[in-house]
Protein backbone atom coordinates (compact mmCIF):
# COMPACT_ATOMS: atom_id res chain seq x y z
CA MET A 1 0.57 8.64 -20.73
CA LEU A 2 -0.25 8.38 -17.05
CA PHE A 3 -3.76 8.98 -15.82
CA ASP A 4 -4.23 12.68 -15.08
CA LEU A 5 -4.42 13.37 -11.35
CA SER A 6 -3.86 17.13 -11.67
CA GLY A 7 -5.48 19.10 -8.87
CA GLN A 8 -5.98 16.06 -6.68
CA VAL A 9 -4.54 15.58 -3.21
CA ALA A 10 -3.12 12.23 -2.17
CA LEU A 11 -1.89 10.86 1.14
CA VAL A 12 0.57 7.97 0.91
CA THR A 13 1.20 6.35 4.26
CA GLY A 14 4.56 4.65 4.54
CA GLY A 15 5.68 6.72 1.58
CA ALA A 16 9.20 7.46 2.75
CA ASN A 17 10.74 4.28 1.38
CA GLY A 18 10.23 1.22 -0.79
CA ILE A 19 6.88 0.57 -2.41
CA GLY A 20 5.38 3.65 -0.79
CA LYS A 21 8.05 5.85 -2.32
CA GLY A 22 7.38 4.31 -5.73
CA ILE A 23 3.67 5.02 -5.33
CA ALA A 24 4.33 8.60 -4.25
CA LYS A 25 6.64 9.23 -7.22
CA VAL A 26 4.15 7.92 -9.79
CA LEU A 27 1.19 9.83 -8.32
CA SER A 28 3.28 12.99 -8.36
CA GLN A 29 4.27 12.38 -11.98
CA ALA A 30 0.55 12.08 -12.77
CA GLY A 31 -0.03 15.53 -11.31
CA ALA A 32 -1.24 14.85 -7.78
CA LYS A 33 -0.18 16.89 -4.79
CA VAL A 34 1.31 14.13 -2.64
CA VAL A 35 1.57 14.16 1.14
CA ILE A 36 3.83 11.49 2.58
CA GLY A 37 2.86 10.24 6.03
CA ASP A 38 5.55 8.21 7.76
CA VAL A 39 7.42 7.65 11.01
CA ASP A 40 10.70 7.95 9.08
CA GLU A 41 11.10 11.71 9.06
CA VAL A 42 14.56 11.83 7.44
CA ASN A 43 13.68 9.73 4.40
CA GLY A 44 10.14 11.09 4.33
CA GLN A 45 11.39 14.66 4.04
CA ALA A 46 13.91 13.60 1.39
CA THR A 47 11.26 11.83 -0.70
CA ALA A 48 8.86 14.76 -0.36
CA ALA A 49 11.57 17.14 -1.57
CA GLU A 50 12.42 14.83 -4.46
CA ILE A 51 8.85 14.73 -5.78
CA GLY A 52 7.82 18.26 -4.83
CA GLY A 53 5.37 17.02 -2.23
CA ALA A 54 4.89 17.46 1.50
CA PHE A 55 5.74 15.39 4.55
CA GLN A 56 3.76 14.74 7.72
CA ALA A 57 5.04 12.71 10.64
CA LEU A 58 2.51 9.91 11.00
CA ASP A 59 2.30 6.83 13.17
CA VAL A 60 -0.70 4.96 11.78
CA THR A 61 -1.20 3.14 15.09
CA ASP A 62 -1.99 6.47 16.79
CA GLN A 63 -5.64 7.13 15.95
CA ALA A 64 -5.61 10.69 17.23
CA GLN A 65 -2.55 11.53 15.15
CA VAL A 66 -4.10 9.94 12.07
CA GLN A 67 -7.19 12.10 12.47
CA SER A 68 -5.10 15.21 13.07
CA VAL A 69 -2.98 14.66 9.95
CA ILE A 70 -5.98 14.06 7.71
CA ASP A 71 -7.82 17.08 9.13
CA GLY A 72 -4.66 19.10 8.52
CA ILE A 73 -4.45 17.98 4.89
CA VAL A 74 -8.07 18.99 4.27
CA LYS A 75 -7.49 22.35 5.96
CA ALA A 76 -4.32 23.05 3.96
CA HIS A 77 -5.42 21.74 0.57
CA GLY A 78 -9.21 21.81 0.69
CA ALA A 79 -9.70 18.09 0.15
CA LEU A 80 -8.30 14.60 0.34
CA ASP A 81 -9.01 12.82 -2.94
CA ILE A 82 -6.74 9.79 -2.72
CA LEU A 83 -5.59 7.62 0.16
CA CYS A 84 -2.89 5.04 -0.37
CA SER A 85 -2.83 2.96 2.79
CA ASN A 86 0.60 1.49 2.33
CA THR A 87 2.26 1.36 5.76
CA GLY A 88 3.33 -2.15 6.65
CA ILE A 89 5.95 -4.16 8.49
CA PHE A 90 7.18 -7.69 7.83
CA PRO A 91 9.55 -9.02 10.51
CA GLN A 92 9.97 -12.78 10.36
CA ALA A 93 8.99 -15.16 13.17
CA ARG A 94 8.31 -18.87 12.85
CA LEU A 95 5.20 -20.13 14.58
CA ALA A 96 7.10 -22.11 17.23
CA ASP A 97 9.01 -19.00 18.27
CA MET A 98 6.38 -16.32 17.72
CA THR A 99 5.36 -14.32 20.77
CA GLU A 100 2.10 -12.58 21.50
CA ALA A 101 3.98 -9.30 21.12
CA ASP A 102 5.18 -10.35 17.63
CA TRP A 103 1.61 -11.12 16.60
CA ASP A 104 0.12 -7.98 18.12
CA ARG A 105 2.70 -5.66 16.58
CA MET A 106 2.12 -7.10 13.10
CA GLN A 107 -1.66 -6.82 13.33
CA GLY A 108 -1.43 -3.45 15.05
CA VAL A 109 0.51 -1.81 12.24
CA ASN A 110 -0.76 -3.68 9.20
CA VAL A 111 -4.42 -4.10 10.11
CA LYS A 112 -5.36 -1.65 12.85
CA GLY A 113 -3.23 1.09 11.29
CA MET A 114 -4.99 0.54 7.97
CA PHE A 115 -8.37 0.70 9.71
CA PHE A 116 -7.49 4.03 11.36
CA VAL A 117 -6.39 5.76 8.15
CA VAL A 118 -9.15 4.37 5.94
CA GLN A 119 -11.84 5.28 8.47
CA ALA A 120 -10.57 8.84 8.88
CA ALA A 121 -10.05 9.35 5.15
CA THR A 122 -13.42 8.02 4.02
CA ARG A 123 -15.18 10.25 6.52
CA VAL A 124 -13.84 13.37 4.84
CA MET A 125 -14.19 11.91 1.34
CA ALA A 126 -17.87 11.16 1.98
CA GLN A 127 -18.52 14.82 2.69
CA ARG A 128 -17.53 15.64 -0.92
CA GLY A 129 -18.97 12.50 -2.49
CA TYR A 130 -15.66 11.50 -4.04
CA GLY A 131 -12.61 9.48 -3.09
CA ARG A 132 -10.16 6.78 -4.04
CA VAL A 133 -8.72 4.38 -1.47
CA VAL A 134 -5.98 1.94 -2.44
CA ILE A 135 -4.60 -0.54 0.09
CA THR A 136 -1.22 -2.22 -0.32
CA SER A 137 -1.75 -5.89 0.50
CA SER A 138 0.46 -8.73 -0.78
CA ILE A 139 0.34 -12.07 -2.55
CA THR A 140 1.68 -13.53 0.73
CA GLY A 141 -1.32 -14.55 2.80
CA PRO A 142 -4.22 -14.07 0.38
CA VAL A 143 -2.63 -16.30 -2.31
CA THR A 144 0.71 -17.75 -1.18
CA GLY A 145 2.55 -18.56 2.02
CA PHE A 146 6.15 -18.44 3.22
CA PRO A 147 7.75 -19.90 6.38
CA GLY A 148 8.24 -17.24 9.01
CA TRP A 149 5.50 -14.96 7.78
CA SER A 150 2.29 -16.56 9.02
CA HIS A 151 1.47 -13.46 11.09
CA TYR A 152 2.29 -11.24 8.10
CA GLY A 153 0.18 -13.38 5.77
CA ALA A 154 -2.72 -13.21 8.21
CA SER A 155 -2.51 -9.42 8.26
CA LYS A 156 -2.46 -9.15 4.48
CA ALA A 157 -5.43 -11.49 4.07
CA ALA A 158 -7.29 -9.46 6.70
CA GLN A 159 -6.71 -6.30 4.68
CA LEU A 160 -8.56 -7.76 1.71
CA GLY A 161 -11.50 -8.92 3.83
CA PHE A 162 -11.72 -5.41 5.26
CA MET A 163 -11.47 -3.85 1.80
CA ARG A 164 -14.42 -5.75 0.34
CA SER A 165 -16.89 -4.80 3.04
CA VAL A 166 -15.71 -1.18 3.19
CA ALA A 167 -16.09 -0.97 -0.61
CA LEU A 168 -19.75 -1.89 -0.18
CA GLU A 169 -20.25 0.68 2.57
CA CYS A 170 -18.69 3.43 0.45
CA ALA A 171 -20.15 2.51 -2.93
CA ARG A 172 -22.94 5.10 -2.87
CA GLN A 173 -20.66 7.84 -1.56
CA GLY A 174 -18.55 8.15 -4.69
CA ILE A 175 -15.65 6.37 -2.99
CA THR A 176 -13.93 3.33 -4.45
CA VAL A 177 -11.86 1.00 -2.28
CA ASN A 178 -9.39 -1.35 -3.95
CA ALA A 179 -6.06 -3.02 -3.31
CA VAL A 180 -2.80 -4.00 -4.96
CA GLN A 181 -1.02 -7.26 -4.18
CA PRO A 182 2.69 -6.95 -4.86
CA GLY A 183 4.91 -9.95 -5.35
CA ASN A 184 8.67 -9.65 -4.92
CA ILE A 185 9.55 -5.98 -5.31
CA LEU A 186 13.16 -4.86 -5.15
CA THR A 187 13.09 -2.64 -2.08
CA ASP A 188 15.69 -2.20 0.65
CA GLY A 189 13.63 -4.56 2.80
CA LEU A 190 13.79 -7.28 0.18
CA LYS A 191 17.49 -6.68 -0.43
CA ALA A 192 18.05 -7.23 3.28
CA GLN A 193 17.02 -10.86 2.81
CA GLY A 194 20.29 -11.42 0.97
CA GLU A 195 21.37 -12.15 -2.59
CA LYS A 196 20.71 -15.87 -2.22
CA TYR A 197 17.07 -15.15 -1.40
CA LEU A 198 16.79 -12.69 -4.30
CA ASP A 199 18.18 -15.26 -6.73
CA GLN A 200 15.74 -17.87 -5.42
CA GLN A 201 12.85 -15.49 -6.00
CA ARG A 202 13.98 -14.55 -9.50
CA ALA A 203 14.12 -18.25 -10.36
CA ILE A 204 10.44 -18.80 -9.51
CA ILE A 205 9.13 -15.74 -11.36
CA PRO A 206 8.30 -16.32 -15.05
CA THR A 207 9.96 -13.02 -16.05
CA HIS A 208 13.04 -13.99 -13.97
CA THR A 209 13.11 -10.41 -12.72
CA LEU A 210 12.01 -8.61 -9.59
CA GLY A 211 9.50 -5.79 -9.68
CA THR A 212 10.22 -2.14 -8.96
CA PRO A 213 8.33 0.11 -6.55
CA GLU A 214 7.18 2.12 -9.57
CA ASP A 215 5.54 -1.02 -11.00
CA ILE A 216 3.21 -0.91 -8.02
CA GLY A 217 2.80 2.84 -8.40
CA TYR A 218 1.47 2.52 -11.95
CA ALA A 219 -1.28 0.12 -10.84
CA VAL A 220 -2.14 2.38 -7.91
CA CYS A 221 -2.29 5.36 -10.26
CA TYR A 222 -4.96 3.61 -12.32
CA LEU A 223 -7.04 2.69 -9.29
CA ALA A 224 -6.67 6.26 -7.99
CA SER A 225 -7.87 7.78 -11.25
CA ARG A 226 -11.30 9.08 -12.17
CA GLU A 227 -11.32 6.53 -15.00
CA ALA A 228 -11.49 3.70 -12.42
CA SER A 229 -14.87 4.87 -11.10
CA PHE A 230 -16.54 1.52 -11.86
CA VAL A 231 -13.87 -0.56 -10.14
CA THR A 232 -14.30 -1.20 -6.43
CA GLY A 233 -13.64 -4.03 -4.00
CA GLN A 234 -11.04 -5.47 -6.37
CA THR A 235 -7.35 -6.32 -6.28
CA ILE A 236 -4.57 -6.23 -8.85
CA ILE A 237 -1.75 -8.77 -8.47
CA ILE A 238 1.59 -7.37 -9.62
CA ASP A 239 4.09 -10.22 -9.42
CA GLY A 240 5.61 -10.93 -12.84
CA GLY A 241 3.42 -14.02 -13.08
CA GLN A 242 4.85 -15.60 -9.92
CA ILE A 243 1.63 -17.28 -8.83
CA LEU A 244 0.84 -18.75 -12.26
CA PRO A 245 3.04 -21.88 -12.62
CA GLU A 246 1.50 -25.08 -11.28
CA SER A 247 4.92 -26.77 -11.24
CA PRO A 248 8.59 -25.86 -11.75
CA GLU A 249 8.42 -27.41 -15.21
CA ALA A 250 6.14 -24.60 -16.31
CA LEU A 251 9.03 -22.18 -15.96
CA LEU A 252 11.30 -24.00 -18.42
């Protein structure tokens, strides 16, 4: 049985597609009233309708809009109990070809956007003395690397550094701040890398499978639950054991 989130209000940024959609679906199944915040209005509205939730147009890089959306959620529903800061981008660029604009866009969405939503959410959570914040990071950057994603890896490592200090700041306010670190999850973005890439990734994962967005959602659901009150500043790696082998022979 899923953890019971009945009566709780959750905002999932980047919830229109992929991992965010999986998170939104699982939280809804657990009873939460889910608000999807995304720049993708078409898919965001469709996902909201599918799970019986709500949609809000949200560009996480617009601080004023972030504040307005969160204030609107509190006004409409009386509270914001759960924030899933999930919005992220991952365009490839090798170091030799990377531009300042490439770097700034990656950090602007993945790091600054996270800062904006977490800051606004924890302010309203602190007023009630309760809240759950879950950040979607990655194994890429904090644990592993991949050519073409140095700027992405930097952003994902930055998220975890941010998380640990914010967890300390919020610890006496009844707010926990944690993260999930997905491995290779079968989203449209991953599919776009091509079947050859997908086969390569399956080969290096001990389960020889790729994860689903719902796999991430189940871990988020735990961290968003009341039962996880004594867990803060931590991460859960969800990767099918990908980071475990010390050599290819370990997979035989």
